[in-house]
C-alpha atoms as a PDB file:
ATOM      1  CA  UNK A   1       4.476  15.003   2.405  1.00  0.00           C
ATOM      2  CA  UNK A   2       6.101  12.426   4.692  1.00  0.00           C
ATOM      3  CA  UNK A   3       3.606  10.632   6.951  1.00  0.00           C
ATOM      4  CA  UNK A   4       4.024  11.329  10.656  1.00  0.00           C
ATOM      5  CA  UNK A   5       3.733   8.112  12.661  1.00  0.00           C
ATOM      6  CA  UNK A   6       3.475   7.940  16.454  1.00  0.00           C
ATOM      7  CA  UNK A   7       3.097   4.825  18.618  1.00  0.00           C
ATOM      8  CA  UNK A   8       1.421   4.762  22.039  1.00  0.00           C
ATOM      9  CA  UNK A   9       0.706   1.848  24.392  1.00  0.00           C
ATOM     10  CA  UNK A  10      -2.107   2.159  26.902  1.00  0.00           C
ATOM     11  CA  UNK A  11      -4.242   0.059  29.260  1.00  0.00           C
ATOM     12  CA  UNK A  12      -7.898  -0.044  28.208  1.00  0.00           C
ATOM     13  CA  UNK A  13      -9.751   0.161  31.529  1.00  0.00           C
ATOM     14  CA  UNK A  14     -13.209  -0.156  29.948  1.00  0.00           C
ATOM     15  CA  UNK A  15     -12.387  -3.712  28.806  1.00  0.00           C
ATOM     16  CA  UNK A  16     -11.429  -5.202  32.180  1.00  0.00           C
ATOM     17  CA  UNK A  17     -12.115  -8.963  32.417  1.00  0.00           C
ATOM     18  CA  UNK A  18     -13.411 -11.055  35.301  1.00  0.00           C
ATOM     19  CA  UNK A  19      -9.926 -11.239  36.848  1.00  0.00           C
ATOM     20  CA  UNK A  20      -9.838  -7.434  36.860  1.00  0.00           C
ATOM     21  CA  UNK A  21      -7.128  -7.438  34.201  1.00  0.00           C
ATOM     22  CA  UNK A  22      -7.240  -4.855  31.423  1.00  0.00           C
ATOM     23  CA  UNK A  23      -5.879  -5.339  27.891  1.00  0.00           C
ATOM     24  CA  UNK A  24      -2.890  -3.358  26.669  1.00  0.00           C
ATOM     25  CA  UNK A  25      -3.547  -1.700  23.332  1.00  0.00           C
ATOM     26  CA  UNK A  26      -1.299   0.078  20.881  1.00  0.00           C
ATOM     27  CA  UNK A  27      -2.547   3.269  19.289  1.00  0.00           C
ATOM     28  CA  UNK A  28      -0.804   4.190  16.045  1.00  0.00           C
ATOM     29  CA  UNK A  29      -1.448   7.693  14.761  1.00  0.00           C
ATOM     30  CA  UNK A  30      -0.574   8.470  11.151  1.00  0.00           C
ATOM     31  CA  UNK A  31      -0.978  12.047   9.962  1.00  0.00           C
ATOM     32  CA  UNK A  32      -3.826  12.576  12.431  1.00  0.00           C
ATOM     33  CA  UNK A  33      -5.632   9.270  11.748  1.00  0.00           C
ATOM     34  CA  UNK A  34      -5.633   6.550  14.413  1.00  0.00           C
ATOM     35  CA  UNK A  35      -5.756   2.783  14.474  1.00  0.00           C
ATOM     36  CA  UNK A  36      -5.953   0.759  17.681  1.00  0.00           C
ATOM     37  CA  UNK A  37      -4.812  -2.855  17.972  1.00  0.00           C
ATOM     38  CA  UNK A  38      -4.702  -5.256  20.900  1.00  0.00           C
ATOM     39  CA  UNK A  39      -1.240  -6.422  21.975  1.00  0.00           C
ATOM     40  CA  UNK A  40      -2.761  -9.597  23.490  1.00  0.00           C
ATOM     41  CA  UNK A  41      -1.210  -8.679  26.831  1.00  0.00           C
ATOM     42  CA  UNK A  42      -3.074  -7.901  30.071  1.00  0.00           C
ATOM     43  CA  UNK A  43      -2.204  -6.003  33.234  1.00  0.00           C
ATOM     44  CA  UNK A  44      -3.719  -4.825  36.497  1.00  0.00           C
ATOM     45  CA  UNK A  45      -4.783  -1.260  35.827  1.00  0.00           C
ATOM     46  CA  UNK A  46      -2.924   0.078  38.859  1.00  0.00           C
ATOM     47  CA  UNK A  47       0.273  -1.575  37.570  1.00  0.00           C
ATOM     48  CA  UNK A  48       0.245   0.446  34.378  1.00  0.00           C
ATOM     49  CA  UNK A  49       2.204   3.670  33.968  1.00  0.00           C
ATOM     50  CA  UNK A  50       0.289   6.027  31.712  1.00  0.00           C
ATOM     51  CA  UNK A  51       3.230   8.424  31.589  1.00  0.00           C
ATOM     52  CA  UNK A  52       5.790   5.727  30.777  1.00  0.00           C
ATOM     53  CA  UNK A  53       3.675   3.702  28.346  1.00  0.00           C
ATOM     54  CA  UNK A  54       4.752   0.581  30.207  1.00  0.00           C
ATOM     55  CA  UNK A  55       4.197  -1.596  33.258  1.00  0.00           C
ATOM     56  CA  UNK A  56       5.394  -0.314  36.595  1.00  0.00           C
ATOM     57  CA  UNK A  57       7.950  -2.079  38.764  1.00  0.00           C
ATOM     58  CA  UNK A  58      10.820  -4.499  38.258  1.00  0.00           C
ATOM     59  CA  UNK A  59       9.003  -7.825  38.521  1.00  0.00           C
ATOM     60  CA  UNK A  60       9.596 -10.598  35.988  1.00  0.00           C
ATOM     61  CA  UNK A  61       6.088 -10.041  34.586  1.00  0.00           C
ATOM     62  CA  UNK A  62       6.711  -6.316  34.273  1.00  0.00           C
ATOM     63  CA  UNK A  63      10.095  -6.852  32.613  1.00  0.00           C
ATOM     64  CA  UNK A  64       8.777  -9.442  30.141  1.00  0.00           C
ATOM     65  CA  UNK A  65       5.725  -7.356  29.240  1.00  0.00           C
ATOM     66  CA  UNK A  66       7.785  -4.223  28.643  1.00  0.00           C
ATOM     67  CA  UNK A  67      10.299  -6.131  26.525  1.00  0.00           C
ATOM     68  CA  UNK A  68       7.414  -7.485  24.452  1.00  0.00           C
ATOM     69  CA  UNK A  69       6.074  -3.962  23.911  1.00  0.00           C
ATOM     70  CA  UNK A  70       9.541  -2.793  22.864  1.00  0.00           C
ATOM     71  CA  UNK A  71       9.702  -5.597  20.272  1.00  0.00           C
ATOM     72  CA  UNK A  72       6.216  -4.703  19.043  1.00  0.00           C
ATOM     73  CA  UNK A  73       7.249  -1.061  18.674  1.00  0.00           C
ATOM     74  CA  UNK A  74      10.249  -2.124  16.576  1.00  0.00           C
ATOM     75  CA  UNK A  75       7.983  -4.367  14.490  1.00  0.00           C
ATOM     76  CA  UNK A  76       5.678  -1.428  13.728  1.00  0.00           C
ATOM     77  CA  UNK A  77       8.662   0.711  12.746  1.00  0.00           C
ATOM     78  CA  UNK A  78       9.920  -2.156  10.571  1.00  0.00           C
ATOM     79  CA  UNK A  79       6.577  -2.359   8.760  1.00  0.00           C
ATOM     80  CA  UNK A  80       6.714   1.390   8.216  1.00  0.00           C
ATOM     81  CA  UNK A  81      10.147   1.031   6.599  1.00  0.00           C
ATOM     82  CA  UNK A  82       8.891  -1.840   4.396  1.00  0.00           C
ATOM     83  CA  UNK A  83       6.101   0.363   3.081  1.00  0.00           C
ATOM     84  CA  UNK A  84       8.619   3.115   2.343  1.00  0.00           C
ATOM     85  CA  UNK A  85      10.900   0.684   0.483  1.00  0.00           C
ATOM     86  CA  UNK A  86       7.923  -0.672  -1.479  1.00  0.00           C
ATOM     87  CA  UNK A  87       6.897   2.927  -2.275  1.00  0.00           C
ATOM     88  CA  UNK A  88       3.472   2.308  -0.770  1.00  0.00           C
ATOM     89  CA  UNK A  89       1.802   5.393   0.788  1.00  0.00           C
ATOM     90  CA  UNK A  90       1.874   5.094   4.575  1.00  0.00           C
ATOM     91  CA  UNK A  91      -1.703   5.339   5.772  1.00  0.00           C
ATOM     92  CA  UNK A  92      -3.590   3.913   8.736  1.00  0.00           C
ATOM     93  CA  UNK A  93      -5.103   1.305   6.411  1.00  0.00           C
ATOM     94  CA  UNK A  94      -1.883   0.236   4.652  1.00  0.00           C
ATOM     95  CA  UNK A  95       0.058  -0.020   7.938  1.00  0.00           C
ATOM     96  CA  UNK A  96      -2.707  -2.016   9.633  1.00  0.00           C
ATOM     97  CA  UNK A  97      -3.039  -4.492   6.759  1.00  0.00           C
ATOM     98  CA  UNK A  98       0.731  -4.922   6.513  1.00  0.00           C
ATOM     99  CA  UNK A  99       1.081  -5.397  10.266  1.00  0.00           C
ATOM    100  CA  UNK A 100      -1.724  -7.964  10.466  1.00  0.00           C
ATOM    101  CA  UNK A 101      -0.732  -9.774   7.290  1.00  0.00           C
ATOM    102  CA  UNK A 102      -4.012  -8.946   5.607  1.00  0.00           C
ATOM    103  CA  UNK A 103      -2.647  -6.764   2.841  1.00  0.00           C
ATOM    104  CA  UNK A 104      -5.126  -5.357   0.354  1.00  0.00           C
ATOM    105  CA  UNK A 105      -5.114  -7.389  -2.845  1.00  0.00           C
ATOM    106  CA  UNK A 106      -3.023  -5.757  -5.497  1.00  0.00           C
ATOM    107  CA  UNK A 107      -4.670  -4.749  -8.750  1.00  0.00           C
ATOM    108  CA  UNK A 108      -2.187  -5.343 -11.506  1.00  0.00           C
ATOM    109  CA  UNK A 109      -2.104  -3.323 -14.702  1.00  0.00           C
ATOM    110  CA  UNK A 110      -1.651  -6.007 -17.380  1.00  0.00           C
ATOM    111  CA  UNK A 111      -4.696  -8.203 -16.544  1.00  0.00           C
ATOM    112  CA  UNK A 112      -6.835  -5.071 -16.315  1.00  0.00           C
ATOM    113  CA  UNK A 113      -5.448  -3.845 -19.647  1.00  0.00           C
ATOM    114  CA  UNK A 114      -6.110  -7.231 -21.267  1.00  0.00           C
ATOM    115  CA  UNK A 115      -9.667  -7.330 -19.924  1.00  0.00           C
ATOM    116  CA  UNK A 116     -10.241  -3.806 -21.285  1.00  0.00           C
ATOM    117  CA  UNK A 117      -9.002  -4.863 -24.735  1.00  0.00           C
ATOM    118  CA  UNK A 118     -11.176  -7.992 -24.729  1.00  0.00           C
ATOM    119  CA  UNK A 119     -14.250  -5.863 -24.053  1.00  0.00           C
ATOM    120  CA  UNK A 120     -13.364  -3.557 -26.945  1.00  0.00           C
ATOM    121  CA  UNK A 121     -12.907  -6.618 -29.182  1.00  0.00           C
ATOM    122  CA  UNK A 122     -16.380  -7.873 -28.241  1.00  0.00           C
ATOM    123  CA  UNK A 123     -17.895  -4.528 -29.231  1.00  0.00           C
ATOM    124  CA  UNK A 124     -16.192  -4.135 -32.624  1.00  0.00           C
ATOM    125  CA  UNK A 125     -18.738  -2.843 -35.109  1.00  0.00           C
ATOM    126  CA  UNK A 126     -21.033  -1.593 -32.349  1.00  0.00           C
ATOM    127  CA  UNK A 127     -19.115   0.901 -30.249  1.00  0.00           C
ATOM    128  CA  UNK A 128     -15.533   0.499 -31.476  1.00  0.00           C
ATOM    129  CA  UNK A 129     -13.686   0.200 -34.751  1.00  0.00           C
ATOM    130  CA  UNK A 130     -10.938  -2.325 -35.584  1.00  0.00           C
ATOM    131  CA  UNK A 131      -8.497   0.590 -35.544  1.00  0.00           C
ATOM    132  CA  UNK A 132      -9.314   1.378 -31.931  1.00  0.00           C
ATOM    133  CA  UNK A 133      -8.649  -2.226 -30.891  1.00  0.00           C
ATOM    134  CA  UNK A 134      -5.369  -2.257 -32.800  1.00  0.00           C
ATOM    135  CA  UNK A 135      -4.284   0.953 -31.066  1.00  0.00           C
ATOM    136  CA  UNK A 136      -4.984  -0.488 -27.603  1.00  0.00           C
ATOM    137  CA  UNK A 137      -3.333  -3.815 -28.436  1.00  0.00           C
ATOM    138  CA  UNK A 138      -0.194  -2.003 -29.598  1.00  0.00           C
ATOM    139  CA  UNK A 139      -0.314   0.170 -26.496  1.00  0.00           C
ATOM    140  CA  UNK A 140      -0.507  -2.944 -24.303  1.00  0.00           C
ATOM    141  CA  UNK A 141       2.500  -4.423 -26.065  1.00  0.00           C
ATOM    142  CA  UNK A 142       4.478  -1.199 -25.583  1.00  0.00           C
ATOM    143  CA  UNK A 143       3.508  -1.092 -21.908  1.00  0.00           C
ATOM    144  CA  UNK A 144       4.743  -4.647 -21.356  1.00  0.00           C
ATOM    145  CA  UNK A 145       8.036  -3.862 -23.093  1.00  0.00           C
ATOM    146  CA  UNK A 146       8.443  -0.692 -21.035  1.00  0.00           C
ATOM    147  CA  UNK A 147       7.871  -2.576 -17.751  1.00  0.00           C
ATOM    148  CA  UNK A 148      10.641  -5.032 -18.647  1.00  0.00           C
ATOM    149  CA  UNK A 149      12.952  -2.191 -19.693  1.00  0.00           C
ATOM    150  CA  UNK A 150      12.379   0.057 -16.678  1.00  0.00           C
ATOM    151  CA  UNK A 151      11.323  -2.232 -13.828  1.00  0.00           C
ATOM    152  CA  UNK A 152      12.615  -5.646 -14.983  1.00  0.00           C
ATOM    153  CA  UNK A 153       9.072  -6.838 -14.341  1.00  0.00           C
ATOM    154  CA  UNK A 154       6.138  -8.171 -16.343  1.00  0.00           C
ATOM    155  CA  UNK A 155       3.504  -6.210 -14.409  1.00  0.00           C
ATOM    156  CA  UNK A 156       2.913  -3.399 -11.902  1.00  0.00           C
ATOM    157  CA  UNK A 157       0.354  -2.518  -9.243  1.00  0.00           C
ATOM    158  CA  UNK A 158      -1.856   0.277 -10.602  1.00  0.00           C
ATOM    159  CA  UNK A 159      -1.322   2.188  -7.332  1.00  0.00           C
ATOM    160  CA  UNK A 160       2.301   2.626  -8.358  1.00  0.00           C
ATOM    161  CA  UNK A 161       1.430   4.316 -11.626  1.00  0.00           C
ATOM    162  CA  UNK A 162       2.346   7.877 -10.746  1.00  0.00           C
ATOM    163  CA  UNK A 163       3.924  10.949 -12.325  1.00  0.00           C
ATOM    164  CA  UNK A 164       7.359   9.279 -12.386  1.00  0.00           C
ATOM    165  CA  UNK A 165       5.964   6.234 -14.202  1.00  0.00           C
ATOM    166  CA  UNK A 166       4.214   8.406 -16.803  1.00  0.00           C
ATOM    167  CA  UNK A 167       7.293  10.583 -17.353  1.00  0.00           C
ATOM    168  CA  UNK A 168       9.566   7.566 -17.785  1.00  0.00           C
ATOM    169  CA  UNK A 169       7.105   5.847 -20.120  1.00  0.00           C
ATOM    170  CA  UNK A 170       6.875   8.965 -22.264  1.00  0.00           C
ATOM    171  CA  UNK A 171      10.688   9.103 -22.411  1.00  0.00           C
ATOM    172  CA  UNK A 172      10.843   5.419 -23.392  1.00  0.00           C
ATOM    173  CA  UNK A 173       8.300   5.846 -26.198  1.00  0.00           C
ATOM    174  CA  UNK A 174      10.235   8.754 -27.657  1.00  0.00           C
ATOM    175  CA  UNK A 175      13.782   7.440 -27.175  1.00  0.00           C
ATOM    176  CA  UNK A 176      13.701   3.639 -27.313  1.00  0.00           C
ATOM    177  CA  UNK A 177      10.638   3.207 -29.549  1.00  0.00           C
ATOM    178  CA  UNK A 178      11.472   6.334 -31.568  1.00  0.00           C
ATOM    179  CA  UNK A 179       7.824   7.437 -31.592  1.00  0.00           C
ATOM    180  CA  UNK A 180       6.957  10.845 -33.025  1.00  0.00           C
ATOM    181  CA  UNK A 181       5.229  13.297 -30.681  1.00  0.00           C
ATOM    182  CA  UNK A 182       1.660  12.554 -31.801  1.00  0.00           C
ATOM    183  CA  UNK A 183       2.232   8.803 -31.716  1.00  0.00           C
ATOM    184  CA  UNK A 184       3.782   8.953 -28.239  1.00  0.00           C
ATOM    185  CA  UNK A 185       0.880  11.005 -26.956  1.00  0.00           C
ATOM    186  CA  UNK A 186      -1.610   8.552 -28.492  1.00  0.00           C
ATOM    187  CA  UNK A 187      -0.051   5.540 -26.754  1.00  0.00           C
ATOM    188  CA  UNK A 188       0.372   7.449 -23.492  1.00  0.00           C
ATOM    189  CA  UNK A 189      -3.337   8.286 -23.463  1.00  0.00           C
ATOM    190  CA  UNK A 190      -4.261   4.649 -24.085  1.00  0.00           C
ATOM    191  CA  UNK A 191      -2.044   3.294 -21.316  1.00  0.00           C
ATOM    192  CA  UNK A 192      -2.843   5.897 -18.653  1.00  0.00           C
ATOM    193  CA  UNK A 193      -6.567   5.667 -19.380  1.00  0.00           C
ATOM    194  CA  UNK A 194      -6.705   2.088 -18.016  1.00  0.00           C
ATOM    195  CA  UNK A 195      -5.740   2.730 -14.352  1.00  0.00           C
ATOM    196  CA  UNK A 196      -7.404   6.145 -14.280  1.00  0.00           C
ATOM    197  CA  UNK A 197     -10.789   4.582 -15.074  1.00  0.00           C
ATOM    198  CA  UNK A 198     -10.753   2.273 -12.018  1.00  0.00           C
ATOM    199  CA  UNK A 199      -8.629   3.993  -9.372  1.00  0.00           C
END
């Protein structure tokens, strides 16, 4: 379902300062969830139009403030489009982090896969057999080859591993790698197990 995003500017009367100026905030609502951010602009409360989401009047201050809010609105819309292009789910959290430049650290598949394999290697003879390690090492190699084939990339954020990724990987195993059904299923289970364990 496409996220519904609405943008509202309002004067926060409860945060009036000593000069009797109130901060202008932006409230962004995404599929019913809200985030509120300061615009770093202030106004006399009686100069704010609640209905118009802007400053009243035609003064230079009013004109400059309203132009700034228009630019900020466009910036928010631009961030929304970036998330769409990056195929990142649009949520209150993802939009806020993108807007503030504090994006959540990506968790990439290949380092996680390698760490998983190293742990199996350390437990050979205790919890795992050499055959299990070999299967996961081969699966890692296939995954890396698939990423270069499909995405022209050496890695991928685990959040982007979805139904499309799994379907395409299965197709690649069967067509490019010429894997039989049981072999393809075996490698699919190994590769999809990694992100599913930590998501």
